[in-house]
Amino acid sequence: MNNRFGPDVTRFTKTPCVTLLDDDVLLSVGLIRAMIDAWEGGGIDNPASSEEDTRLHPIVGVDGDQRTMDSKRGYLYPCNRWEGWIVQGLCWNPFISRTPNLVIGKTMTFSTRHLKEYQNDKDVWYYTSPDGGHYCEDIVMNALVWNTTKLDPVFVRNDKKYLSKYMGTRGGTAEKGGYGNKQDDRKSQTRYILDEAGGLSFKGFTPWGLYESSKWNLKRSDCVKWAAVHYTRE
């Protein structure tokens, strides 16, 4: 998981953009297409170059994955999630801006050339490596893309009305839900999260669960602040 931006990816990528997702995520064809369209449609000419392959494109994510990077406050959850109220308490403060500017690594599309930029930055490569001990490569990639393009991320719709038809009920078999219906597959913009298998998900509203969430949030905030200094992003 921590090599998602490594040489093994660039070695086998022949397209101008790449879509990466966690190993517990399934995307419909319609959602993949929507993300690529958003990447292409958000592109602008690079004032520093007239070459077509140097057009600047935003990083693209799925709605529900919006987060905010703030150089002073760190990693902020949106107020439609409990963490924004309970773990951070920031959503009680009306004077704090929480405009989404971060796509989490669960599902993201971006220009392939940013992979090389990421790999060639020795400080970035070490900081997000197991040796560096900071497992936040998605945060650093967001900062890199913004620093290069000055384009805010784009979020496409996850159309949940197709979810039960497309994937079946949670925990059920795909066949029961009609998986493989090509018409629905093209029409829907659906992301399905598989049931937890590795024990890494939120543990619930328990003291241990709140403690783990708070600790995770602090680690992510440290990464945001490091990236803000590294890329001088404010």
Protein backbone atom coordinates (compact mmCIF):
# COMPACT_ATOMS: atom_id res chain seq x y z
CA MET A 1 0.00 0.00 0.00
CA ASN A 2 2.86 2.40 0.72
CA ASN A 3 4.37 1.83 -2.72
CA ARG A 4 1.30 3.00 -4.63
CA PHE A 5 3.33 5.89 -6.11
CA GLY A 6 6.48 3.86 -6.66
CA PRO A 7 8.44 2.79 -9.76
CA ASP A 8 6.39 -0.40 -10.13
CA VAL A 9 3.37 1.77 -10.93
CA THR A 10 5.11 4.02 -13.46
CA ARG A 11 6.76 1.04 -15.13
CA PHE A 12 3.39 -0.41 -16.15
CA THR A 13 1.42 2.80 -16.69
CA LYS A 14 1.09 3.88 -20.34
CA THR A 15 -1.79 6.35 -19.97
CA PRO A 16 -1.65 10.11 -19.21
CA CYS A 17 -3.64 9.63 -16.01
CA VAL A 18 -3.89 6.85 -13.46
CA THR A 19 -6.67 5.81 -11.07
CA LEU A 20 -5.59 4.28 -7.77
CA LEU A 21 -7.83 2.79 -5.10
CA ASP A 22 -7.61 0.78 -1.91
CA ASP A 23 -7.75 -3.00 -2.12
CA ASP A 24 -11.18 -3.11 -0.45
CA VAL A 25 -12.85 -0.89 -3.08
CA LEU A 26 -14.79 -1.80 -6.22
CA LEU A 27 -15.76 0.86 -8.79
CA SER A 28 -18.40 0.68 -11.49
CA VAL A 29 -17.39 1.42 -15.08
CA GLY A 30 -19.54 4.54 -14.90
CA LEU A 31 -17.66 5.93 -11.92
CA ILE A 32 -14.26 5.23 -13.47
CA ARG A 33 -15.40 7.02 -16.62
CA ALA A 34 -16.72 9.97 -14.62
CA MET A 35 -13.41 10.36 -12.79
CA ILE A 36 -11.40 10.32 -16.02
CA ASP A 37 -13.81 12.80 -17.61
CA ALA A 38 -13.46 15.11 -14.60
CA TRP A 39 -9.67 14.87 -14.84
CA GLU A 40 -9.74 15.68 -18.55
CA GLY A 41 -12.41 18.37 -18.28
CA GLY A 42 -10.58 20.14 -15.46
CA GLY A 43 -7.37 20.47 -17.45
CA ILE A 44 -5.88 23.84 -18.36
CA ASP A 45 -3.00 24.89 -20.59
CA ASN A 46 0.35 25.13 -18.89
CA PRO A 47 1.53 28.73 -19.27
CA ALA A 48 5.11 27.52 -19.03
CA SER A 49 4.82 25.14 -21.98
CA SER A 50 2.92 24.77 -25.26
CA GLU A 51 3.28 20.99 -25.34
CA GLU A 52 -0.04 19.10 -25.18
CA ASP A 53 1.25 16.51 -22.72
CA THR A 54 2.13 19.20 -20.18
CA ARG A 55 -1.46 20.40 -19.67
CA LEU A 56 -2.28 20.83 -16.00
CA HIS A 57 -5.02 18.67 -14.51
CA PRO A 58 -6.60 18.48 -11.05
CA ILE A 59 -6.57 15.48 -8.77
CA VAL A 60 -10.01 13.81 -8.75
CA GLY A 61 -11.78 11.98 -5.94
CA VAL A 62 -15.22 10.72 -4.94
CA ASP A 63 -17.70 12.73 -2.91
CA GLY A 64 -17.68 11.59 0.68
CA ASP A 65 -13.87 11.50 0.59
CA GLN A 66 -13.47 15.26 0.96
CA ARG A 67 -11.07 16.43 3.62
CA THR A 68 -9.37 19.76 4.30
CA MET A 69 -5.65 20.45 4.61
CA ASP A 70 -4.89 23.47 6.76
CA SER A 71 -1.28 24.48 7.36
CA LYS A 72 -2.06 25.56 10.94
CA ARG A 73 -4.79 23.12 12.04
CA GLY A 74 -3.71 20.08 10.07
CA TYR A 75 -6.08 17.41 8.83
CA LEU A 76 -9.76 18.38 9.07
CA TYR A 77 -12.80 16.16 8.61
CA PRO A 78 -15.97 17.55 7.02
CA CYS A 79 -18.93 18.26 9.29
CA ASN A 80 -21.04 15.50 7.76
CA ARG A 81 -18.76 13.04 9.56
CA TRP A 82 -18.74 12.48 13.30
CA GLU A 83 -14.98 13.02 13.54
CA GLY A 84 -15.39 16.69 12.66
CA TRP A 85 -17.57 17.15 15.73
CA ILE A 86 -16.30 14.67 18.30
CA VAL A 87 -12.61 14.01 17.62
CA GLN A 88 -11.69 17.51 16.49
CA GLY A 89 -14.52 19.66 17.80
CA LEU A 90 -13.77 22.03 14.93
CA CYS A 91 -17.25 21.88 13.45
CA TRP A 92 -18.53 23.78 16.49
CA ASN A 93 -16.35 26.73 15.47
CA PRO A 94 -18.00 28.81 12.69
CA PHE A 95 -14.83 30.83 12.07
CA ILE A 96 -12.77 27.94 10.74
CA SER A 97 -12.86 27.39 6.98
CA ARG A 98 -13.30 23.78 5.94
CA THR A 99 -13.44 24.08 2.15
CA PRO A 100 -12.40 20.62 0.87
CA ASN A 101 -8.98 20.61 -0.77
CA LEU A 102 -7.83 17.03 -0.13
CA VAL A 103 -8.67 13.73 -1.84
CA ILE A 104 -7.94 10.75 0.40
CA GLY A 105 -6.16 7.78 -1.13
CA LYS A 106 -9.16 5.45 -1.04
CA THR A 107 -10.01 6.46 -4.63
CA MET A 108 -8.11 9.04 -6.69
CA THR A 109 -7.30 9.92 -10.30
CA PHE A 110 -4.39 12.19 -11.26
CA SER A 111 -1.82 12.83 -13.99
CA THR A 112 0.71 10.02 -14.35
CA ARG A 113 3.60 12.46 -14.59
CA HIS A 114 3.14 13.39 -10.91
CA LEU A 115 4.37 9.91 -10.01
CA LYS A 116 7.83 10.75 -11.32
CA GLU A 117 7.80 14.09 -9.53
CA TYR A 118 6.94 12.26 -6.31
CA GLN A 119 9.66 9.65 -6.78
CA ASN A 120 12.33 12.20 -7.69
CA ASP A 121 11.81 14.25 -4.53
CA LYS A 122 14.11 12.51 -2.05
CA ASP A 123 12.59 14.25 0.98
CA VAL A 124 9.06 13.19 -0.01
CA TRP A 125 10.14 9.66 -0.84
CA TYR A 126 11.87 9.17 2.50
CA TYR A 127 9.20 10.90 4.62
CA THR A 128 6.41 8.64 3.35
CA SER A 129 8.49 5.45 3.29
CA PRO A 130 8.45 2.81 6.03
CA ASP A 131 11.88 4.12 7.08
CA GLY A 132 10.48 7.63 7.38
CA GLY A 133 7.55 6.26 9.32
CA HIS A 134 4.82 8.54 7.94
CA TYR A 135 2.13 6.59 6.10
CA CYS A 136 0.43 9.53 4.42
CA GLU A 137 1.49 9.39 0.80
CA ASP A 138 -1.98 10.51 -0.34
CA ILE A 139 -1.68 13.77 1.62
CA VAL A 140 1.74 14.51 0.16
CA MET A 141 0.54 13.70 -3.38
CA ASN A 142 -2.36 16.15 -2.96
CA ALA A 143 0.09 18.85 -1.89
CA LEU A 144 2.41 18.03 -4.79
CA VAL A 145 -0.40 18.26 -7.36
CA TRP A 146 -1.64 21.56 -5.98
CA ASN A 147 1.89 22.97 -5.84
CA THR A 148 2.41 22.01 -9.49
CA THR A 149 -0.98 22.95 -10.93
CA LYS A 150 -2.59 25.41 -8.46
CA LEU A 151 -5.84 23.55 -9.21
CA ASP A 152 -8.18 22.49 -6.41
CA PRO A 153 -9.38 18.87 -6.44
CA VAL A 154 -12.57 17.79 -8.16
CA PHE A 155 -15.05 15.40 -6.53
CA VAL A 156 -17.44 13.27 -8.59
CA ARG A 157 -20.74 11.83 -7.41
CA ASN A 158 -20.98 8.40 -5.85
CA ASP A 159 -24.52 7.48 -6.94
CA LYS A 160 -25.72 5.26 -4.13
CA LYS A 161 -29.15 4.69 -5.66
CA TYR A 162 -27.57 2.01 -7.84
CA LEU A 163 -25.63 0.38 -5.03
CA SER A 164 -28.03 -2.43 -4.07
CA LYS A 165 -28.83 -3.24 -7.69
CA TYR A 166 -25.21 -3.11 -8.75
CA MET A 167 -23.51 -5.00 -5.95
CA GLY A 168 -26.22 -6.73 -3.95
CA THR A 169 -26.87 -6.24 -0.28
CA ARG A 170 -23.89 -5.77 1.99
CA GLY A 171 -22.50 -9.16 2.91
CA GLY A 172 -24.53 -10.87 0.18
CA THR A 173 -23.30 -12.30 -3.07
CA ALA A 174 -22.74 -10.19 -6.14
CA GLU A 175 -24.97 -12.45 -8.20
CA LYS A 176 -27.97 -11.71 -6.02
CA GLY A 177 -27.56 -8.02 -6.74
CA GLY A 178 -27.30 -8.47 -10.47
CA TYR A 179 -23.59 -7.74 -10.76
CA GLY A 180 -22.54 -8.00 -14.39
CA ASN A 181 -25.52 -6.13 -15.82
CA LYS A 182 -23.58 -4.05 -18.37
CA GLN A 183 -26.33 -1.48 -18.81
CA ASP A 184 -26.42 -0.68 -15.09
CA ASP A 185 -22.63 -0.83 -14.90
CA ARG A 186 -22.25 1.90 -17.52
CA LYS A 187 -25.07 4.02 -16.15
CA SER A 188 -24.18 3.98 -12.48
CA GLN A 189 -21.44 5.94 -10.75
CA THR A 190 -21.08 3.55 -7.85
CA ARG A 191 -18.33 2.71 -5.37
CA TYR A 192 -18.67 -0.34 -3.15
CA ILE A 193 -16.58 -0.83 -0.01
CA LEU A 194 -15.98 -4.48 0.79
CA ASP A 195 -16.51 -5.80 4.30
CA GLU A 196 -13.59 -5.35 6.66
CA ALA A 197 -11.11 -8.20 6.70
CA GLY A 198 -7.91 -6.79 8.19
CA GLY A 199 -9.13 -5.20 11.42
CA LEU A 200 -8.10 -1.67 10.47
CA SER A 201 -11.49 0.02 10.38
CA PHE A 202 -12.98 2.25 13.04
CA LYS A 203 -13.76 0.30 16.21
CA GLY A 204 -16.99 2.11 17.04
CA PHE A 205 -18.03 4.67 19.62
CA THR A 206 -15.94 3.15 22.38
CA PRO A 207 -13.12 4.73 24.38
CA TRP A 208 -10.64 2.62 22.40
CA GLY A 209 -12.24 3.58 19.09
CA LEU A 210 -12.19 7.29 19.92
CA TYR A 211 -8.59 7.03 21.11
CA GLU A 212 -7.48 5.31 17.90
CA SER A 213 -9.33 7.86 15.75
CA SER A 214 -7.78 10.75 17.65
CA LYS A 215 -4.29 9.25 17.31
CA TRP A 216 -4.81 8.70 13.57
CA ASN A 217 -6.00 12.28 13.16
CA LEU A 218 -2.89 13.62 14.89
CA LYS A 219 -0.63 11.59 12.61
CA ARG A 220 -2.44 12.87 9.54
CA SER A 221 -2.22 16.44 10.85
CA ASP A 222 1.55 16.10 11.26
CA CYS A 223 1.76 15.07 7.60
CA VAL A 224 -0.33 18.04 6.46
CA LYS A 225 1.88 20.47 8.35
CA TRP A 226 5.04 18.82 6.98
CA ALA A 227 3.71 19.08 3.41
CA ALA A 228 2.72 22.72 3.96
CA VAL A 229 6.29 23.54 4.93
CA HIS A 230 7.79 21.41 2.17
CA TYR A 231 5.67 22.98 -0.56
CA THR A 232 5.16 26.31 1.23
CA ARG A 233 1.42 25.89 0.78
CA GLU A 234 -0.82 28.19 2.79
